[in-house]
Protein backbone atom coordinates (compact mmCIF):
# COMPACT_ATOMS: atom_id res chain seq x y z
CA MET A 1 -10.22 0.97 9.32
CA VAL A 2 -11.75 -2.54 8.73
CA GLN A 3 -9.37 -4.17 11.11
CA ALA A 4 -8.44 -0.90 13.62
CA TYR A 5 -12.46 -0.64 14.61
CA ASN A 6 -12.57 -4.34 14.84
CA SER A 7 -9.36 -5.52 16.45
CA GLU A 8 -10.21 -7.48 19.21
CA VAL A 9 -12.53 -9.10 16.71
CA ASN A 10 -9.43 -9.28 14.11
CA GLY A 11 -6.81 -10.55 17.39
CA VAL A 12 -4.89 -7.07 16.71
CA THR A 13 -3.23 -5.80 19.70
CA MET A 14 -3.13 -1.11 19.45
CA LEU A 15 -0.67 -0.08 21.22
CA LEU A 16 -0.74 3.30 22.31
CA PHE A 17 2.57 4.90 21.59
CA ILE A 18 2.62 9.08 21.72
CA ARG A 19 5.58 11.43 22.33
CA LYS A 20 5.65 14.66 24.74
CA ASN A 21 7.62 17.12 22.94
CA LYS A 22 6.39 17.06 18.81
CA ASP A 23 9.60 19.52 18.35
CA ASP A 24 12.02 17.48 19.66
CA ARG A 25 14.59 16.59 16.49
CA ILE A 26 17.57 15.02 18.20
CA SER A 27 15.82 11.74 20.68
CA LYS A 28 12.43 11.30 19.39
CA GLU A 29 11.28 9.65 22.29
CA PHE A 30 7.67 8.04 22.39
CA TYR A 31 5.68 6.83 25.35
CA PHE A 32 3.82 3.47 25.07
CA LEU A 33 0.54 4.33 27.14
CA GLY A 34 -0.34 0.92 26.75
CA THR A 35 -3.63 -1.33 24.25
CA MET A 36 -6.70 0.40 23.48
CA LYS A 37 -9.84 -0.57 21.58
CA ALA A 38 -11.95 0.78 19.13
CA ILE A 39 -15.59 2.94 20.76
CA GLY A 40 -18.03 4.30 19.96
CA THR A 41 -19.80 4.35 15.29
CA PRO A 42 -16.65 5.55 13.17
CA GLU A 43 -17.64 8.80 11.84
CA GLU A 44 -16.72 9.36 7.46
CA PHE A 45 -15.52 13.23 6.92
CA THR A 46 -14.18 15.92 4.72
CA MET A 47 -10.44 17.03 5.15
CA PRO A 48 -10.88 20.72 5.62
CA GLY A 49 -9.60 22.85 2.67
CA THR A 50 -10.32 19.62 0.16
CA ASN A 51 -12.43 16.84 -1.27
CA VAL A 52 -9.79 14.08 0.55
CA THR A 53 -12.47 11.61 2.75
CA ALA A 54 -11.15 10.52 5.84
CA VAL A 55 -12.77 8.50 8.94
CA LYS A 56 -12.39 9.31 12.10
CA LEU A 57 -12.08 6.66 15.14
CA TYR A 58 -12.01 7.55 19.30
CA TYR A 59 -10.37 4.97 21.51
CA SER A 60 -10.00 3.60 24.66
CA LEU A 61 -7.10 2.75 26.75
CA HIS A 62 -7.87 -0.34 28.64
CA THR A 63 -5.92 0.56 31.16
CA PRO A 64 -6.27 4.38 32.65
CA VAL A 65 -3.61 6.80 32.28
CA ARG A 66 -1.62 7.67 35.80
CA GLY A 67 -1.89 10.88 37.59
CA ASP A 68 1.05 11.42 37.61
CA ILE A 69 2.26 10.00 34.24
CA TYR A 70 -0.90 11.91 32.19
CA ASP A 71 0.69 15.77 33.87
CA PHE A 72 4.57 15.03 32.77
CA ILE A 73 3.20 14.37 29.31
CA THR A 74 0.34 17.31 28.91
CA ARG A 75 3.36 19.40 30.31
């Protein structure tokens, strides 16, 4: 978690790839949306139905996603 949260300080480039359709079992296409950095404060939480803790991070893209690309991915 420290590497992801402090990526810029540690010289680590964080890249965001997403899948439009998680049920696509054949091509499994991913789309590159750009570089990003962690923002805010990490939040520790307990995963539902378990005693396992995890950390939630929020990210910000360095370059906003174009509207037409956002529409394509979210539809």
